[in-house]
Amino acid sequence: MRQWIAEIAAGLIMLGTGMLGTGSAQAAVWAWGCQGQLTAPDQTVIFTRFQMVVLEGKRPPLKPQDLLGEEALNPLIGGGSAAYDPNNINSGFQDKVITFTRDSEPKSKITLTEQSSRRLSHKAKLVCGRDETTDTFRKVYRYQRDGEASRTLTMQCIEYTLSTRGGRKGCD
């Protein structure tokens, strides 16, 4: 009985000090987004990992950091803007073809086919035991919307990753 109590006490101590698990679990983060302008008619196209919006007219560009996050485009959606959902949120920029579908009426689909990509910057650093990487790109896509002629779309893009600690000591 004493040994059993001692084993439980030792387990609780190890759990409390983080030897059996991470004291504060931190999820990894992976986000990306792009923005660009179409002409004839003038439209602004912005997409993130979680949605795409097509806005009428030219707009000033957003800060690249504003394209990161699940709800980044929510303030832009509404007032007649067409919002689309990606068919795959887990492929990132690895897929050369990205498809977005509009669930509301009128239903339509936009397909972006990458024609070229150039990395403009790469930043990597260690933040509290986690790897943080930010890459910016200039990507050229063939923009194809249902029932319309294809157009060329040049976009400024950002990809951001923040790893888990993976057993490394953190800041807490």
Protein backbone atom coordinates (compact mmCIF):
# COMPACT_ATOMS: atom_id res chain seq x y z
CA MET A 1 0.00 0.00 0.00
CA ARG A 2 2.82 2.41 0.86
CA GLN A 3 4.55 1.70 -2.45
CA TRP A 4 1.31 2.33 -4.34
CA ILE A 5 0.86 5.71 -2.60
CA ALA A 6 4.52 6.57 -3.23
CA GLU A 7 4.11 5.76 -6.97
CA ILE A 8 1.00 7.94 -7.23
CA ALA A 9 2.75 10.79 -5.41
CA ALA A 10 5.80 10.49 -7.68
CA GLY A 11 3.56 10.49 -10.75
CA LEU A 12 1.75 13.61 -9.59
CA ILE A 13 5.04 15.36 -8.89
CA MET A 14 6.38 14.46 -12.33
CA LEU A 15 3.15 15.58 -13.97
CA GLY A 16 3.25 18.88 -12.09
CA THR A 17 6.84 19.59 -13.12
CA GLY A 18 6.16 18.81 -16.77
CA MET A 19 8.27 15.65 -16.97
CA LEU A 20 5.38 13.55 -18.25
CA GLY A 21 3.76 16.19 -20.42
CA THR A 22 4.02 19.78 -21.41
CA GLY A 23 2.89 22.07 -18.64
CA SER A 24 1.02 24.26 -21.12
CA ALA A 25 0.20 22.66 -24.45
CA GLN A 26 0.65 25.01 -27.37
CA ALA A 27 -0.83 24.27 -30.77
CA ALA A 28 1.13 24.87 -33.94
CA VAL A 29 -0.05 27.65 -36.26
CA TRP A 30 -0.11 27.53 -40.07
CA ALA A 31 -1.67 30.39 -41.99
CA TRP A 32 -1.39 31.94 -45.43
CA GLY A 33 -3.06 34.53 -47.58
CA CYS A 34 -2.81 36.48 -50.83
CA GLN A 35 -4.19 39.68 -52.30
CA GLY A 36 -4.24 41.07 -55.81
CA GLN A 37 -6.10 43.20 -58.36
CA LEU A 38 -7.99 42.10 -61.46
CA THR A 39 -8.74 44.48 -64.32
CA ALA A 40 -11.66 44.77 -66.77
CA PRO A 41 -13.70 44.91 -64.57
CA ASP A 42 -11.66 46.19 -61.65
CA GLN A 43 -11.91 43.74 -58.74
CA THR A 44 -9.84 43.03 -55.64
CA VAL A 45 -9.26 39.35 -54.84
CA ILE A 46 -8.13 38.36 -51.34
CA PHE A 47 -7.88 34.85 -49.95
CA THR A 48 -6.69 33.16 -46.79
CA ARG A 49 -6.46 29.56 -45.72
CA PHE A 50 -10.14 29.69 -44.75
CA GLN A 51 -11.93 31.86 -47.34
CA MET A 52 -11.77 34.08 -50.42
CA VAL A 53 -13.51 37.36 -51.09
CA VAL A 54 -13.94 39.18 -54.42
CA LEU A 55 -14.55 42.91 -53.96
CA GLU A 56 -15.68 45.33 -56.66
CA GLY A 57 -13.22 48.10 -57.51
CA LYS A 58 -9.61 48.67 -56.57
CA ARG A 59 -8.73 48.75 -52.88
CA PRO A 60 -5.59 49.69 -51.01
CA PRO A 61 -3.65 46.55 -50.07
CA LEU A 62 -3.98 45.09 -46.60
CA LYS A 63 -0.91 44.59 -44.43
CA PRO A 64 0.35 41.03 -45.05
CA GLN A 65 -0.10 40.19 -41.34
CA ASP A 66 -3.81 41.07 -41.70
CA LEU A 67 -4.22 38.10 -44.07
CA LEU A 68 -3.42 35.59 -41.33
CA GLY A 69 -6.11 34.01 -39.21
CA GLU A 70 -9.40 32.23 -39.56
CA GLU A 71 -11.52 35.37 -39.37
CA ALA A 72 -9.22 37.80 -41.21
CA LEU A 73 -11.65 38.49 -44.05
CA ASN A 74 -14.87 38.67 -42.02
CA PRO A 75 -14.90 42.52 -41.97
CA LEU A 76 -14.76 42.54 -45.80
CA ILE A 77 -17.53 40.01 -46.38
CA GLY A 78 -20.99 41.45 -46.76
CA GLY A 79 -22.46 44.34 -48.67
CA GLY A 80 -22.61 42.38 -51.91
CA SER A 81 -19.07 40.95 -51.85
CA ALA A 82 -18.80 37.43 -53.08
CA ALA A 83 -17.35 35.08 -50.44
CA TYR A 84 -15.96 31.65 -51.33
CA ASP A 85 -14.79 28.66 -49.30
CA PRO A 86 -11.64 26.71 -50.25
CA ASN A 87 -12.10 23.09 -51.29
CA ASN A 88 -8.95 22.13 -49.31
CA ILE A 89 -7.55 24.16 -46.41
CA ASN A 90 -4.64 21.78 -45.76
CA SER A 91 -2.65 21.95 -48.97
CA GLY A 92 -1.28 25.48 -48.66
CA PHE A 93 0.84 26.66 -51.52
CA GLN A 94 1.97 23.10 -52.35
CA ASP A 95 -0.95 22.62 -54.76
CA LYS A 96 -0.55 24.45 -58.06
CA VAL A 97 -4.35 24.57 -58.43
CA ILE A 98 -6.53 26.07 -55.69
CA THR A 99 -10.32 25.89 -56.00
CA PHE A 100 -12.84 28.02 -54.10
CA THR A 101 -16.61 27.41 -54.14
CA ARG A 102 -19.40 29.83 -53.27
CA ASP A 103 -22.02 28.13 -51.14
CA SER A 104 -24.64 30.88 -51.32
CA GLU A 105 -26.67 31.85 -54.37
CA PRO A 106 -25.63 32.23 -57.10
CA LYS A 107 -23.36 29.21 -56.73
CA SER A 108 -20.06 29.49 -58.57
CA LYS A 109 -16.49 28.29 -58.50
CA ILE A 110 -13.15 30.08 -58.87
CA THR A 111 -10.04 28.16 -59.83
CA LEU A 112 -6.56 29.63 -59.40
CA THR A 113 -3.79 27.91 -61.34
CA GLU A 114 -0.29 28.97 -60.35
CA GLN A 115 1.79 30.09 -63.31
CA SER A 116 4.82 31.39 -61.43
CA SER A 117 6.02 32.01 -57.89
CA ARG A 118 8.93 33.97 -56.50
CA ARG A 119 9.87 34.09 -52.84
CA LEU A 120 10.57 37.71 -51.85
CA SER A 121 11.62 37.19 -48.25
CA HIS A 122 12.21 34.49 -45.66
CA LYS A 123 12.42 35.10 -41.92
CA ALA A 124 13.02 32.35 -39.35
CA LYS A 125 13.55 32.71 -35.62
CA LEU A 126 13.13 30.87 -32.35
CA VAL A 127 10.33 32.23 -30.11
CA CYS A 128 10.06 30.71 -26.63
CA GLY A 129 11.23 27.31 -27.87
CA ARG A 130 9.01 27.42 -30.97
CA ASP A 131 10.16 27.87 -34.59
CA GLU A 132 8.55 30.87 -36.29
CA THR A 133 8.83 31.19 -40.07
CA THR A 134 7.41 33.92 -42.30
CA ASP A 135 7.75 33.85 -46.10
CA THR A 136 6.44 36.41 -48.58
CA PHE A 137 5.89 35.64 -52.26
CA ARG A 138 4.79 37.20 -55.52
CA LYS A 139 2.59 34.66 -57.27
CA VAL A 140 0.97 34.83 -60.68
CA TYR A 141 -2.23 32.84 -61.11
CA ARG A 142 -4.60 32.13 -63.97
CA TYR A 143 -7.95 33.22 -62.50
CA GLN A 144 -10.90 31.25 -63.88
CA ARG A 145 -14.42 32.00 -62.67
CA ASP A 146 -17.39 29.95 -63.93
CA GLY A 147 -18.70 31.37 -67.19
CA GLU A 148 -15.97 34.00 -67.60
CA ALA A 149 -12.82 34.20 -69.66
CA SER A 150 -9.64 33.41 -67.72
CA ARG A 151 -7.51 36.33 -66.57
CA THR A 152 -4.03 36.76 -65.14
CA LEU A 153 -3.87 37.69 -61.46
CA THR A 154 -0.65 38.82 -59.75
CA MET A 155 -0.82 38.46 -55.98
CA GLN A 156 1.28 39.35 -52.96
CA CYS A 157 1.25 36.36 -50.59
CA ILE A 158 2.39 35.49 -47.09
CA GLU A 159 2.85 32.12 -45.36
CA TYR A 160 3.35 31.90 -41.59
CA THR A 161 4.17 28.91 -39.41
CA LEU A 162 4.75 28.63 -35.68
CA SER A 163 5.75 25.16 -34.50
CA THR A 164 5.02 23.46 -31.23
CA ARG A 165 7.89 23.40 -28.73
CA GLY A 166 8.54 19.73 -29.44
CA GLY A 167 9.92 19.13 -25.96
CA ARG A 168 12.07 22.27 -25.93
CA LYS A 169 12.01 24.58 -22.93
CA GLY A 170 9.68 27.52 -23.36
CA CYS A 171 9.32 30.93 -21.74
CA ASP A 172 6.90 29.97 -18.98
